[in-house]
Amino acid sequence: MDAYRGGDGWAALGDPTRRAIVACLAERPRAVGELAAELPVSRPAVSQALKVLKDAGLVTERAAGTRRIYRLEPAAVAALRDQLDTFWSRALSGYGDAIAHEDEERS
C-alpha cells in the first residue's frame, strides 16, 4: 500500500473498484454501507479501497454519529484534471509538431 501514499491519485485510480467508488462519490457523499450496497464487493473491500483513496488524498471523511461519511476531495480531483489537461496539451502539441515536420519533408 505504500505505493499509494504521497497523494498518487493516478495509482489509486488504477483499480476498477476504487474508480467505481469515486464515480459514486462524484454524485454525493456516502457512508461505507451505502457504497457497499451499490457495488459488487464486500463492505470490508469498500473500506480497504476507501483507505487507499484517502491515503492518496482523493477522499476525505467526517464522522456522523457512528458512521463515517466519505466525499471526494475537490482540490485533489482538480489537480488530477489539471495533470490530464497538461498531458493532453502536450500530446496535441507533439502531434502538431509531427505533422508540421512531415509537411516540411514533403516540400
C-alpha atoms as a PDB file:
ATOM      1  CA  MET A   1       0.000   0.000   0.000  1.00  0.00           C
ATOM      2  CA  ASP A   2       2.950   2.298   0.321  1.00  0.00           C
ATOM      3  CA  ALA A   3       2.791   2.906  -3.435  1.00  0.00           C
ATOM      4  CA  TYR A   4      -0.363   4.923  -2.872  1.00  0.00           C
ATOM      5  CA  ARG A   5       0.986   7.205  -0.192  1.00  0.00           C
ATOM      6  CA  GLY A   6       2.015  10.726  -1.004  1.00  0.00           C
ATOM      7  CA  GLY A   7      -1.030  11.702  -2.993  1.00  0.00           C
ATOM      8  CA  ASP A   8      -0.560   9.439  -6.014  1.00  0.00           C
ATOM      9  CA  GLY A   9      -4.108   9.695  -7.266  1.00  0.00           C
ATOM     10  CA  TRP A  10      -3.349   8.032 -10.600  1.00  0.00           C
ATOM     11  CA  ALA A  11      -2.064   4.871  -8.932  1.00  0.00           C
ATOM     12  CA  ALA A  12      -5.058   4.825  -6.599  1.00  0.00           C
ATOM     13  CA  LEU A  13      -7.413   5.042  -9.578  1.00  0.00           C
ATOM     14  CA  GLY A  14      -5.773   2.025 -11.215  1.00  0.00           C
ATOM     15  CA  ASP A  15      -8.275  -0.335  -9.587  1.00  0.00           C
ATOM     16  CA  PRO A  16     -11.820  -0.685 -11.023  1.00  0.00           C
ATOM     17  CA  THR A  17     -13.423  -0.856  -7.567  1.00  0.00           C
ATOM     18  CA  ARG A  18     -11.761   2.375  -6.495  1.00  0.00           C
ATOM     19  CA  ARG A  19     -12.832   4.043  -9.741  1.00  0.00           C
ATOM     20  CA  ALA A  20     -16.413   2.877  -9.103  1.00  0.00           C
ATOM     21  CA  ILE A  21     -16.265   4.344  -5.598  1.00  0.00           C
ATOM     22  CA  VAL A  22     -15.020   7.650  -6.992  1.00  0.00           C
ATOM     23  CA  ALA A  23     -17.884   7.617  -9.506  1.00  0.00           C
ATOM     24  CA  CYS A  24     -20.396   7.067  -6.672  1.00  0.00           C
ATOM     25  CA  LEU A  25     -18.842   9.793  -4.543  1.00  0.00           C
ATOM     26  CA  ALA A  26     -18.968  12.172  -7.504  1.00  0.00           C
ATOM     27  CA  GLU A  27     -22.751  12.023  -7.183  1.00  0.00           C
ATOM     28  CA  ARG A  28     -22.825  12.712  -3.434  1.00  0.00           C
ATOM     29  CA  PRO A  29     -21.030  11.883  -0.157  1.00  0.00           C
ATOM     30  CA  ARG A  30     -21.785   8.407   1.192  1.00  0.00           C
ATOM     31  CA  ALA A  31     -21.078   6.037   4.041  1.00  0.00           C
ATOM     32  CA  VAL A  32     -19.288   2.710   3.575  1.00  0.00           C
ATOM     33  CA  GLY A  33     -22.551   0.769   3.841  1.00  0.00           C
ATOM     34  CA  GLU A  34     -24.184   2.848   1.109  1.00  0.00           C
ATOM     35  CA  LEU A  35     -21.221   2.291  -1.186  1.00  0.00           C
ATOM     36  CA  ALA A  36     -21.136  -1.451  -0.466  1.00  0.00           C
ATOM     37  CA  ALA A  37     -24.845  -1.710  -1.266  1.00  0.00           C
ATOM     38  CA  GLU A  38     -24.211  -0.276  -4.733  1.00  0.00           C
ATOM     39  CA  LEU A  39     -21.064  -2.217  -5.607  1.00  0.00           C
ATOM     40  CA  PRO A  40     -20.438  -5.922  -6.198  1.00  0.00           C
ATOM     41  CA  VAL A  41     -17.810  -6.078  -3.432  1.00  0.00           C
ATOM     42  CA  SER A  42     -17.945  -6.646   0.301  1.00  0.00           C
ATOM     43  CA  ARG A  43     -18.085  -3.916   2.899  1.00  0.00           C
ATOM     44  CA  PRO A  44     -14.505  -4.677   4.054  1.00  0.00           C
ATOM     45  CA  ALA A  45     -13.334  -4.380   0.425  1.00  0.00           C
ATOM     46  CA  VAL A  46     -15.021  -0.979   0.168  1.00  0.00           C
ATOM     47  CA  SER A  47     -13.354   0.111   3.422  1.00  0.00           C
ATOM     48  CA  GLN A  48      -9.970  -1.018   2.127  1.00  0.00           C
ATOM     49  CA  ALA A  49     -10.492   0.812  -1.170  1.00  0.00           C
ATOM     50  CA  LEU A  50     -11.556   3.962   0.687  1.00  0.00           C
ATOM     51  CA  LYS A  51      -8.380   3.798   2.755  1.00  0.00           C
ATOM     52  CA  VAL A  52      -6.287   3.743  -0.416  1.00  0.00           C
ATOM     53  CA  LEU A  53      -8.266   6.662  -1.861  1.00  0.00           C
ATOM     54  CA  LYS A  54      -7.933   8.561   1.412  1.00  0.00           C
ATOM     55  CA  ASP A  55      -4.176   7.898   1.587  1.00  0.00           C
ATOM     56  CA  ALA A  56      -3.899   9.241  -1.968  1.00  0.00           C
ATOM     57  CA  GLY A  57      -5.761  12.376  -0.889  1.00  0.00           C
ATOM     58  CA  LEU A  58      -8.723  11.789  -3.203  1.00  0.00           C
ATOM     59  CA  VAL A  59     -11.354  11.408  -0.482  1.00  0.00           C
ATOM     60  CA  THR A  60     -11.960  12.817   2.948  1.00  0.00           C
ATOM     61  CA  GLU A  61     -14.162  11.556   5.744  1.00  0.00           C
ATOM     62  CA  ARG A  62     -16.187  13.053   8.534  1.00  0.00           C
ATOM     63  CA  ALA A  63     -17.942  11.493  11.481  1.00  0.00           C
ATOM     64  CA  ALA A  64     -21.743  11.428  11.506  1.00  0.00           C
ATOM     65  CA  GLY A  65     -22.694   9.664  14.699  1.00  0.00           C
ATOM     66  CA  THR A  66     -21.266   6.171  14.463  1.00  0.00           C
ATOM     67  CA  ARG A  67     -20.851   6.353  10.686  1.00  0.00           C
ATOM     68  CA  ARG A  68     -18.125   7.917   8.597  1.00  0.00           C
ATOM     69  CA  ILE A  69     -19.215   9.845   5.551  1.00  0.00           C
ATOM     70  CA  TYR A  70     -16.797   9.950   2.632  1.00  0.00           C
ATOM     71  CA  ARG A  71     -16.645  12.580  -0.089  1.00  0.00           C
ATOM     72  CA  LEU A  72     -14.328  13.466  -2.929  1.00  0.00           C
ATOM     73  CA  GLU A  73     -11.623  15.996  -2.177  1.00  0.00           C
ATOM     74  CA  PRO A  74     -12.279  18.711  -4.790  1.00  0.00           C
ATOM     75  CA  ALA A  75      -8.713  20.055  -4.779  1.00  0.00           C
ATOM     76  CA  ALA A  76      -7.241  16.598  -5.426  1.00  0.00           C
ATOM     77  CA  VAL A  77      -9.678  15.893  -8.248  1.00  0.00           C
ATOM     78  CA  ALA A  78      -8.913  19.310  -9.752  1.00  0.00           C
ATOM     79  CA  ALA A  79      -5.188  18.539  -9.572  1.00  0.00           C
ATOM     80  CA  LEU A  80      -5.727  15.286 -11.497  1.00  0.00           C
ATOM     81  CA  ARG A  81      -7.746  17.154 -14.086  1.00  0.00           C
ATOM     82  CA  ASP A  82      -5.001  19.760 -14.434  1.00  0.00           C
ATOM     83  CA  GLN A  83      -2.480  16.977 -14.990  1.00  0.00           C
ATOM     84  CA  LEU A  84      -4.713  15.411 -17.641  1.00  0.00           C
ATOM     85  CA  ASP A  85      -5.106  18.785 -19.349  1.00  0.00           C
ATOM     86  CA  THR A  86      -1.317  19.153 -19.374  1.00  0.00           C
ATOM     87  CA  PHE A  87      -0.844  15.648 -20.820  1.00  0.00           C
ATOM     88  CA  TRP A  88      -3.476  16.311 -23.468  1.00  0.00           C
ATOM     89  CA  SER A  89      -1.963  19.673 -24.428  1.00  0.00           C
ATOM     90  CA  ARG A  90       1.482  18.104 -24.777  1.00  0.00           C
ATOM     91  CA  ALA A  91       0.086  15.277 -26.878  1.00  0.00           C
ATOM     92  CA  LEU A  92      -1.717  17.680 -29.209  1.00  0.00           C
ATOM     93  CA  SER A  93       1.359  19.873 -29.482  1.00  0.00           C
ATOM     94  CA  GLY A  94       3.531  16.858 -30.271  1.00  0.00           C
ATOM     95  CA  TYR A  95       1.059  15.714 -32.884  1.00  0.00           C
ATOM     96  CA  GLY A  96       1.046  19.184 -34.442  1.00  0.00           C
ATOM     97  CA  ASP A  97       4.839  19.237 -34.494  1.00  0.00           C
ATOM     98  CA  ALA A  98       4.950  15.800 -36.138  1.00  0.00           C
ATOM     99  CA  ILE A  99       2.502  16.888 -38.844  1.00  0.00           C
ATOM    100  CA  ALA A 100       4.449  20.098 -39.475  1.00  0.00           C
ATOM    101  CA  HIS A 101       7.709  18.135 -39.715  1.00  0.00           C
ATOM    102  CA  GLU A 102       6.103  15.688 -42.146  1.00  0.00           C
ATOM    103  CA  ASP A 103       4.802  18.567 -44.265  1.00  0.00           C
ATOM    104  CA  GLU A 104       8.302  20.119 -44.362  1.00  0.00           C
ATOM    105  CA  GLU A 105       9.818  16.833 -45.527  1.00  0.00           C
ATOM    106  CA  ARG A 106       7.309  16.588 -48.370  1.00  0.00           C
ATOM    107  CA  SER A 107       8.121  20.098 -49.587  1.00  0.00           C
END
